């Protein structure tokens, strides 16, 4: 029982450290990649996360998007309003329940994801500078494992 508890404690500590390091690396690398101001600094705020989430999920209710972003529904409503004005998302009434509204990306929203992905590729190039090929392969395999496990955890959380 003690081993299971210490493993869970270590897992919690590693997850927190990973999350903190990931954010630090991203923001440090963004500053390095875009420090010459020749390219526009990408907006790393919640709006881009909302676009990426909608790109993966295809369609969701604002309340669900708020949970994904860990924001209040009123904050997400403001984000959706601004994205809708820019033509990146659209709201659609649920045909079965007029009280429900679904949010999804427009074709412009999907094109914007391409822009974000280009920025991410530049960031990854800088992040991996100085790593050996075998270290990059190890990181790739580890990230695949982590993402697959996170998907399983997310699926389990939805089914409970």
C-alpha atoms as a PDB file:
ATOM      1  CA  UNK A   1       0.000   0.000   0.000  1.00  0.00           C
ATOM      2  CA  UNK A   2       2.889   2.313   0.838  1.00  0.00           C
ATOM      3  CA  UNK A   3       4.446   1.783  -2.612  1.00  0.00           C
ATOM      4  CA  UNK A   4       1.184   2.641  -4.391  1.00  0.00           C
ATOM      5  CA  UNK A   5       0.831   5.802  -2.316  1.00  0.00           C
ATOM      6  CA  UNK A   6       4.417   6.911  -2.972  1.00  0.00           C
ATOM      7  CA  UNK A   7       3.998   6.155  -6.697  1.00  0.00           C
ATOM      8  CA  UNK A   8       0.822   8.248  -6.839  1.00  0.00           C
ATOM      9  CA  UNK A   9       2.540  11.073  -4.953  1.00  0.00           C
ATOM     10  CA  UNK A  10       5.512  10.967  -7.336  1.00  0.00           C
ATOM     11  CA  UNK A  11       3.164  10.896 -10.343  1.00  0.00           C
ATOM     12  CA  UNK A  12       1.316  13.965  -9.021  1.00  0.00           C
ATOM     13  CA  UNK A  13       4.592  15.801  -8.428  1.00  0.00           C
ATOM     14  CA  UNK A  14       5.935  14.890 -11.884  1.00  0.00           C
ATOM     15  CA  UNK A  15       2.682  15.941 -13.571  1.00  0.00           C
ATOM     16  CA  UNK A  16       2.800  19.327 -11.859  1.00  0.00           C
ATOM     17  CA  UNK A  17       6.493  19.791 -12.687  1.00  0.00           C
ATOM     18  CA  UNK A  18       5.867  18.786 -16.310  1.00  0.00           C
ATOM     19  CA  UNK A  19       3.019  21.293 -16.638  1.00  0.00           C
ATOM     20  CA  UNK A  20       5.132  24.081 -15.141  1.00  0.00           C
ATOM     21  CA  UNK A  21       8.181  23.269 -17.268  1.00  0.00           C
ATOM     22  CA  UNK A  22       6.074  23.031 -20.428  1.00  0.00           C
ATOM     23  CA  UNK A  23       4.669  26.505 -19.874  1.00  0.00           C
ATOM     24  CA  UNK A  24       8.090  27.934 -19.049  1.00  0.00           C
ATOM     25  CA  UNK A  25       9.697  26.392 -22.124  1.00  0.00           C
ATOM     26  CA  UNK A  26       6.916  27.605 -24.420  1.00  0.00           C
ATOM     27  CA  UNK A  27       7.054  31.191 -23.189  1.00  0.00           C
ATOM     28  CA  UNK A  28      10.870  31.287 -23.171  1.00  0.00           C
ATOM     29  CA  UNK A  29      11.027  29.836 -26.685  1.00  0.00           C
ATOM     30  CA  UNK A  30       8.316  32.198 -27.964  1.00  0.00           C
ATOM     31  CA  UNK A  31      10.429  35.109 -26.783  1.00  0.00           C
ATOM     32  CA  UNK A  32      13.499  33.690 -28.511  1.00  0.00           C
ATOM     33  CA  UNK A  33      11.770  32.854 -31.801  1.00  0.00           C
ATOM     34  CA  UNK A  34       9.962  36.160 -32.095  1.00  0.00           C
ATOM     35  CA  UNK A  35      12.519  38.482 -30.458  1.00  0.00           C
ATOM     36  CA  UNK A  36      13.583  40.133 -33.710  1.00  0.00           C
ATOM     37  CA  UNK A  37       9.999  41.346 -34.312  1.00  0.00           C
ATOM     38  CA  UNK A  38      10.242  40.384 -37.998  1.00  0.00           C
ATOM     39  CA  UNK A  39       7.338  38.025 -37.431  1.00  0.00           C
ATOM     40  CA  UNK A  40       4.204  38.707 -35.495  1.00  0.00           C
ATOM     41  CA  UNK A  41       4.209  37.214 -32.033  1.00  0.00           C
ATOM     42  CA  UNK A  42       1.408  34.650 -31.847  1.00  0.00           C
ATOM     43  CA  UNK A  43      -1.346  35.287 -29.358  1.00  0.00           C
ATOM     44  CA  UNK A  44      -0.973  32.507 -26.806  1.00  0.00           C
ATOM     45  CA  UNK A  45      -4.076  33.516 -24.911  1.00  0.00           C
ATOM     46  CA  UNK A  46      -7.232  31.522 -24.349  1.00  0.00           C
ATOM     47  CA  UNK A  47      -8.634  32.415 -27.766  1.00  0.00           C
ATOM     48  CA  UNK A  48      -6.024  30.303 -29.528  1.00  0.00           C
ATOM     49  CA  UNK A  49      -6.556  27.462 -27.094  1.00  0.00           C
ATOM     50  CA  UNK A  50     -10.287  27.712 -27.814  1.00  0.00           C
ATOM     51  CA  UNK A  51      -9.614  27.481 -31.552  1.00  0.00           C
ATOM     52  CA  UNK A  52      -7.356  24.462 -31.103  1.00  0.00           C
ATOM     53  CA  UNK A  53      -9.878  22.733 -28.834  1.00  0.00           C
ATOM     54  CA  UNK A  54     -12.677  23.351 -31.337  1.00  0.00           C
ATOM     55  CA  UNK A  55     -10.418  22.059 -34.101  1.00  0.00           C
ATOM     56  CA  UNK A  56      -9.997  18.785 -32.221  1.00  0.00           C
ATOM     57  CA  UNK A  57     -13.529  18.434 -30.893  1.00  0.00           C
ATOM     58  CA  UNK A  58     -15.284  19.835 -34.026  1.00  0.00           C
ATOM     59  CA  UNK A  59     -18.259  21.237 -32.088  1.00  0.00           C
ATOM     60  CA  UNK A  60     -19.155  21.894 -28.462  1.00  0.00           C
ATOM     61  CA  UNK A  61     -21.372  23.910 -26.207  1.00  0.00           C
ATOM     62  CA  UNK A  62     -19.892  27.069 -24.661  1.00  0.00           C
ATOM     63  CA  UNK A  63     -20.189  25.576 -21.161  1.00  0.00           C
ATOM     64  CA  UNK A  64     -18.056  22.607 -22.218  1.00  0.00           C
ATOM     65  CA  UNK A  65     -15.487  24.903 -23.808  1.00  0.00           C
ATOM     66  CA  UNK A  66     -15.407  26.867 -20.541  1.00  0.00           C
ATOM     67  CA  UNK A  67     -14.562  23.668 -18.652  1.00  0.00           C
ATOM     68  CA  UNK A  68     -11.819  22.800 -21.149  1.00  0.00           C
ATOM     69  CA  UNK A  69     -10.301  26.271 -20.737  1.00  0.00           C
ATOM     70  CA  UNK A  70     -10.922  26.396 -16.988  1.00  0.00           C
ATOM     71  CA  UNK A  71     -12.764  29.703 -17.377  1.00  0.00           C
ATOM     72  CA  UNK A  72     -16.133  31.088 -16.369  1.00  0.00           C
ATOM     73  CA  UNK A  73     -18.844  30.790 -18.996  1.00  0.00           C
ATOM     74  CA  UNK A  74     -19.050  34.605 -19.220  1.00  0.00           C
ATOM     75  CA  UNK A  75     -15.352  34.793 -20.125  1.00  0.00           C
ATOM     76  CA  UNK A  76     -15.796  32.133 -22.797  1.00  0.00           C
ATOM     77  CA  UNK A  77     -18.801  34.001 -24.169  1.00  0.00           C
ATOM     78  CA  UNK A  78     -16.551  37.043 -24.694  1.00  0.00           C
ATOM     79  CA  UNK A  79     -13.945  34.899 -26.435  1.00  0.00           C
ATOM     80  CA  UNK A  80     -16.591  33.316 -28.680  1.00  0.00           C
ATOM     81  CA  UNK A  81     -18.042  36.765 -29.464  1.00  0.00           C
ATOM     82  CA  UNK A  82     -14.656  38.091 -30.604  1.00  0.00           C
ATOM     83  CA  UNK A  83     -13.841  34.942 -32.607  1.00  0.00           C
ATOM     84  CA  UNK A  84     -17.254  35.114 -34.248  1.00  0.00           C
ATOM     85  CA  UNK A  85     -16.689  38.769 -35.215  1.00  0.00           C
ATOM     86  CA  UNK A  86     -13.412  37.708 -36.831  1.00  0.00           C
ATOM     87  CA  UNK A  87     -15.212  34.960 -38.738  1.00  0.00           C
ATOM     88  CA  UNK A  88     -13.269  32.151 -37.054  1.00  0.00           C
ATOM     89  CA  UNK A  89     -16.183  30.457 -35.263  1.00  0.00           C
ATOM     90  CA  UNK A  90     -19.922  30.175 -35.690  1.00  0.00           C
ATOM     91  CA  UNK A  91     -22.795  29.481 -33.350  1.00  0.00           C
ATOM     92  CA  UNK A  92     -25.493  27.035 -34.361  1.00  0.00           C
ATOM     93  CA  UNK A  93     -28.775  26.384 -32.573  1.00  0.00           C
ATOM     94  CA  UNK A  94     -29.421  22.777 -31.621  1.00  0.00           C
ATOM     95  CA  UNK A  95     -32.296  21.540 -33.816  1.00  0.00           C
ATOM     96  CA  UNK A  96     -33.598  19.317 -30.987  1.00  0.00           C
ATOM     97  CA  UNK A  97     -33.354  21.911 -28.186  1.00  0.00           C
ATOM     98  CA  UNK A  98     -33.437  25.592 -29.078  1.00  0.00           C
ATOM     99  CA  UNK A  99     -31.947  26.475 -25.689  1.00  0.00           C
ATOM    100  CA  UNK A 100     -28.666  24.792 -26.650  1.00  0.00           C
ATOM    101  CA  UNK A 101     -26.056  26.524 -28.781  1.00  0.00           C
ATOM    102  CA  UNK A 102     -23.172  24.726 -30.463  1.00  0.00           C
ATOM    103  CA  UNK A 103     -19.896  26.444 -31.361  1.00  0.00           C
ATOM    104  CA  UNK A 104     -17.693  25.250 -34.211  1.00  0.00           C
ATOM    105  CA  UNK A 105     -14.916  26.550 -36.421  1.00  0.00           C
ATOM    106  CA  UNK A 106     -15.555  28.135 -39.789  1.00  0.00           C
ATOM    107  CA  UNK A 107     -13.313  27.430 -42.771  1.00  0.00           C
ATOM    108  CA  UNK A 108     -11.345  30.554 -41.741  1.00  0.00           C
ATOM    109  CA  UNK A 109     -10.976  29.049 -38.268  1.00  0.00           C
ATOM    110  CA  UNK A 110      -9.462  25.897 -39.722  1.00  0.00           C
ATOM    111  CA  UNK A 111      -7.072  27.997 -41.838  1.00  0.00           C
ATOM    112  CA  UNK A 112      -6.078  29.865 -38.663  1.00  0.00           C
ATOM    113  CA  UNK A 113      -5.129  26.511 -37.116  1.00  0.00           C
ATOM    114  CA  UNK A 114      -2.653  26.105 -39.988  1.00  0.00           C
ATOM    115  CA  UNK A 115      -1.063  29.431 -38.992  1.00  0.00           C
ATOM    116  CA  UNK A 116      -0.865  28.300 -35.366  1.00  0.00           C
ATOM    117  CA  UNK A 117       0.682  24.994 -36.397  1.00  0.00           C
ATOM    118  CA  UNK A 118       3.345  26.868 -38.386  1.00  0.00           C
ATOM    119  CA  UNK A 119       4.203  28.858 -35.264  1.00  0.00           C
ATOM    120  CA  UNK A 120       4.359  25.684 -33.199  1.00  0.00           C
ATOM    121  CA  UNK A 121       6.737  24.070 -35.717  1.00  0.00           C
ATOM    122  CA  UNK A 122       9.100  27.047 -35.384  1.00  0.00           C
ATOM    123  CA  UNK A 123       8.903  26.805 -31.619  1.00  0.00           C
ATOM    124  CA  UNK A 124       9.640  23.084 -31.641  1.00  0.00           C
ATOM    125  CA  UNK A 125      12.662  23.623 -33.889  1.00  0.00           C
ATOM    126  CA  UNK A 126      14.120  26.016 -31.319  1.00  0.00           C
ATOM    127  CA  UNK A 127      13.129  23.806 -28.386  1.00  0.00           C
ATOM    128  CA  UNK A 128      14.986  20.841 -29.835  1.00  0.00           C
ATOM    129  CA  UNK A 129      18.205  22.716 -30.607  1.00  0.00           C
ATOM    130  CA  UNK A 130      21.082  21.036 -28.841  1.00  0.00           C
ATOM    131  CA  UNK A 131      19.388  17.678 -28.460  1.00  0.00           C
ATOM    132  CA  UNK A 132      20.826  14.566 -30.061  1.00  0.00           C
ATOM    133  CA  UNK A 133      18.728  12.559 -32.508  1.00  0.00           C
ATOM    134  CA  UNK A 134      18.320   9.690 -30.023  1.00  0.00           C
ATOM    135  CA  UNK A 135      17.145  12.175 -27.365  1.00  0.00           C
ATOM    136  CA  UNK A 136      14.567  13.570 -29.787  1.00  0.00           C
ATOM    137  CA  UNK A 137      13.401  10.016 -30.590  1.00  0.00           C
ATOM    138  CA  UNK A 138      13.149   9.254 -26.859  1.00  0.00           C
ATOM    139  CA  UNK A 139      11.157  12.453 -26.278  1.00  0.00           C
ATOM    140  CA  UNK A 140       8.839  11.639 -29.177  1.00  0.00           C
ATOM    141  CA  UNK A 141       8.167   8.137 -27.863  1.00  0.00           C
ATOM    142  CA  UNK A 142       7.629   9.456 -24.332  1.00  0.00           C
ATOM    143  CA  UNK A 143       5.220  12.133 -25.561  1.00  0.00           C
ATOM    144  CA  UNK A 144       3.266   9.530 -27.527  1.00  0.00           C
ATOM    145  CA  UNK A 145       2.954   7.442 -24.372  1.00  0.00           C
ATOM    146  CA  UNK A 146       1.916  10.417 -22.238  1.00  0.00           C
ATOM    147  CA  UNK A 147      -0.665  11.609 -24.764  1.00  0.00           C
ATOM    148  CA  UNK A 148      -2.110   8.108 -25.154  1.00  0.00           C
ATOM    149  CA  UNK A 149      -2.400   7.750 -21.379  1.00  0.00           C
ATOM    150  CA  UNK A 150      -3.932  11.230 -21.040  1.00  0.00           C
ATOM    151  CA  UNK A 151      -6.504  10.258 -23.697  1.00  0.00           C
ATOM    152  CA  UNK A 152      -7.358   7.137 -21.722  1.00  0.00           C
ATOM    153  CA  UNK A 153      -7.663   9.158 -18.505  1.00  0.00           C
ATOM    154  CA  UNK A 154      -9.891  11.682 -20.296  1.00  0.00           C
ATOM    155  CA  UNK A 155     -12.075   8.903 -21.694  1.00  0.00           C
ATOM    156  CA  UNK A 156     -12.377   7.327 -18.247  1.00  0.00           C
ATOM    157  CA  UNK A 157     -13.306  10.676 -16.718  1.00  0.00           C
ATOM    158  CA  UNK A 158     -16.068  11.136 -19.305  1.00  0.00           C
ATOM    159  CA  UNK A 159     -17.479   7.687 -18.637  1.00  0.00           C
ATOM    160  CA  UNK A 160     -17.710   8.052 -14.832  1.00  0.00           C
END
